[in-house]
Amino acid sequence: MADKPEPDGIVLTEAQQKSRRQRSIAIALALGVLVLLFFAVTMVKGPAVLVRPM
């Protein structure tokens, strides 16, 4: 009997997994910076920008 079952689908190499992990971290950091930027702009303009008459 085989020790490891055959994996289904595409199997990534260690280098590809590392690259994917680094790319995911970079995307998460960029998204976090974007959120902080929007938050900072909202605070500079004033929270009242969220309160608008209908």
N, C-alpha and C. Protein backbone atom coordinates (compact mmCIF):
# COMPACT_ATOMS: atom_id res chain seq x y z
N MET A 1 0.83 -1.18 0.00
CA MET A 1 0.00 0.00 0.00
C MET A 1 0.88 1.25 0.00
N ALA A 2 0.37 2.29 -0.57
CA ALA A 2 1.12 3.54 -0.64
C ALA A 2 1.01 4.30 0.68
N ASP A 3 2.11 4.93 1.06
CA ASP A 3 2.09 5.72 2.30
C ASP A 3 1.27 6.99 2.13
N LYS A 4 1.46 7.65 0.98
CA LYS A 4 0.73 8.89 0.72
C LYS A 4 -0.28 8.65 -0.39
N PRO A 5 -1.52 9.07 -0.17
CA PRO A 5 -2.48 8.95 -1.27
C PRO A 5 -2.16 9.97 -2.35
N GLU A 6 -2.49 9.63 -3.58
CA GLU A 6 -2.26 10.55 -4.69
C GLU A 6 -3.14 11.78 -4.53
N PRO A 7 -2.54 12.98 -4.51
CA PRO A 7 -3.36 14.19 -4.38
C PRO A 7 -4.12 14.47 -5.68
N ASP A 8 -5.33 14.95 -5.52
CA ASP A 8 -6.13 15.32 -6.68
C ASP A 8 -5.80 16.75 -7.07
N GLY A 9 -5.83 17.03 -8.34
CA GLY A 9 -5.62 18.40 -8.80
C GLY A 9 -4.15 18.76 -8.93
N ILE A 10 -3.90 20.06 -8.89
CA ILE A 10 -2.56 20.59 -9.09
C ILE A 10 -1.82 20.62 -7.76
N VAL A 11 -0.59 20.16 -7.77
CA VAL A 11 0.25 20.19 -6.57
C VAL A 11 1.33 21.24 -6.79
N LEU A 12 1.40 22.20 -5.87
CA LEU A 12 2.38 23.28 -5.99
C LEU A 12 3.71 22.87 -5.38
N THR A 13 4.78 23.37 -5.96
CA THR A 13 6.10 23.13 -5.39
C THR A 13 6.28 24.05 -4.19
N GLU A 14 7.34 23.82 -3.43
CA GLU A 14 7.63 24.67 -2.27
C GLU A 14 7.81 26.12 -2.69
N ALA A 15 8.50 26.34 -3.80
CA ALA A 15 8.74 27.71 -4.28
C ALA A 15 7.42 28.38 -4.65
N GLN A 16 6.52 27.64 -5.27
CA GLN A 16 5.23 28.20 -5.66
C GLN A 16 4.38 28.51 -4.43
N GLN A 17 4.44 27.63 -3.43
CA GLN A 17 3.69 27.88 -2.20
C GLN A 17 4.22 29.11 -1.48
N LYS A 18 5.54 29.26 -1.45
CA LYS A 18 6.15 30.43 -0.82
C LYS A 18 5.77 31.70 -1.57
N SER A 19 5.78 31.63 -2.88
CA SER A 19 5.41 32.78 -3.70
C SER A 19 3.95 33.16 -3.47
N ARG A 20 3.09 32.16 -3.39
CA ARG A 20 1.67 32.41 -3.15
C ARG A 20 1.46 33.05 -1.78
N ARG A 21 2.18 32.55 -0.78
CA ARG A 21 2.06 33.08 0.57
C ARG A 21 2.52 34.54 0.61
N GLN A 22 3.64 34.84 -0.04
CA GLN A 22 4.15 36.21 -0.07
C GLN A 22 3.19 37.14 -0.81
N ARG A 23 2.61 36.65 -1.89
CA ARG A 23 1.65 37.45 -2.66
C ARG A 23 0.40 37.73 -1.82
N SER A 24 -0.05 36.73 -1.09
CA SER A 24 -1.23 36.92 -0.24
C SER A 24 -0.96 37.94 0.86
N ILE A 25 0.21 37.88 1.44
CA ILE A 25 0.58 38.85 2.48
C ILE A 25 0.65 40.25 1.89
N ALA A 26 1.22 40.38 0.70
CA ALA A 26 1.33 41.69 0.05
C ALA A 26 -0.06 42.26 -0.25
N ILE A 27 -0.96 41.42 -0.72
CA ILE A 27 -2.32 41.88 -1.01
C ILE A 27 -3.02 42.31 0.28
N ALA A 28 -2.85 41.54 1.34
CA ALA A 28 -3.47 41.88 2.62
C ALA A 28 -2.93 43.21 3.15
N LEU A 29 -1.63 43.41 3.05
CA LEU A 29 -1.05 44.67 3.52
C LEU A 29 -1.54 45.85 2.69
N ALA A 30 -1.61 45.67 1.38
CA ALA A 30 -2.10 46.75 0.51
C ALA A 30 -3.55 47.08 0.84
N LEU A 31 -4.35 46.07 1.09
CA LEU A 31 -5.75 46.30 1.44
C LEU A 31 -5.86 47.01 2.79
N GLY A 32 -5.03 46.62 3.73
CA GLY A 32 -5.01 47.29 5.04
C GLY A 32 -4.62 48.75 4.92
N VAL A 33 -3.63 49.04 4.10
CA VAL A 33 -3.22 50.44 3.89
C VAL A 33 -4.35 51.23 3.25
N LEU A 34 -5.04 50.63 2.31
CA LEU A 34 -6.16 51.31 1.66
C LEU A 34 -7.27 51.63 2.66
N VAL A 35 -7.57 50.68 3.53
CA VAL A 35 -8.59 50.91 4.56
C VAL A 35 -8.16 52.04 5.48
N LEU A 36 -6.90 52.02 5.91
CA LEU A 36 -6.41 53.09 6.78
C LEU A 36 -6.44 54.44 6.07
N LEU A 37 -6.14 54.45 4.78
CA LEU A 37 -6.18 55.69 4.01
C LEU A 37 -7.61 56.25 3.97
N PHE A 38 -8.58 55.39 3.68
CA PHE A 38 -9.97 55.84 3.66
C PHE A 38 -10.39 56.35 5.03
N PHE A 39 -9.98 55.65 6.07
CA PHE A 39 -10.32 56.07 7.43
C PHE A 39 -9.71 57.43 7.74
N ALA A 40 -8.44 57.62 7.38
CA ALA A 40 -7.76 58.88 7.65
C ALA A 40 -8.42 60.03 6.88
N VAL A 41 -8.76 59.80 5.64
CA VAL A 41 -9.42 60.84 4.84
C VAL A 41 -10.77 61.19 5.44
N THR A 42 -11.49 60.19 5.90
CA THR A 42 -12.79 60.44 6.52
C THR A 42 -12.63 61.27 7.79
N MET A 43 -11.61 60.97 8.58
CA MET A 43 -11.39 61.71 9.82
C MET A 43 -10.94 63.15 9.53
N VAL A 44 -10.14 63.34 8.49
CA VAL A 44 -9.67 64.68 8.14
C VAL A 44 -10.84 65.52 7.63
N LYS A 45 -11.67 64.93 6.80
CA LYS A 45 -12.82 65.67 6.28
C LYS A 45 -13.88 65.88 7.36
N GLY A 46 -13.82 65.07 8.36
CA GLY A 46 -14.78 65.18 9.45
C GLY A 46 -15.80 64.07 9.38
N PRO A 47 -16.13 63.50 10.53
CA PRO A 47 -17.11 62.41 10.54
C PRO A 47 -18.49 62.85 10.05
N ALA A 48 -18.74 64.16 10.03
CA ALA A 48 -20.04 64.66 9.59
C ALA A 48 -20.29 64.36 8.11
N VAL A 49 -19.24 63.99 7.38
CA VAL A 49 -19.43 63.67 5.97
C VAL A 49 -20.34 62.45 5.82
N LEU A 50 -20.43 61.65 6.88
CA LEU A 50 -21.29 60.47 6.83
C LEU A 50 -22.75 60.80 7.11
N VAL A 51 -23.01 61.98 7.69
CA VAL A 51 -24.38 62.38 8.03
C VAL A 51 -24.87 63.34 6.95
N ARG A 52 -25.72 62.85 6.09
CA ARG A 52 -26.22 63.68 4.99
C ARG A 52 -27.74 63.70 5.03
N PRO A 53 -28.33 64.83 4.68
CA PRO A 53 -29.79 64.86 4.61
C PRO A 53 -30.29 64.00 3.45
N MET A 54 -31.42 63.40 3.65
CA MET A 54 -31.97 62.52 2.61
C MET A 54 -32.67 63.31 1.55
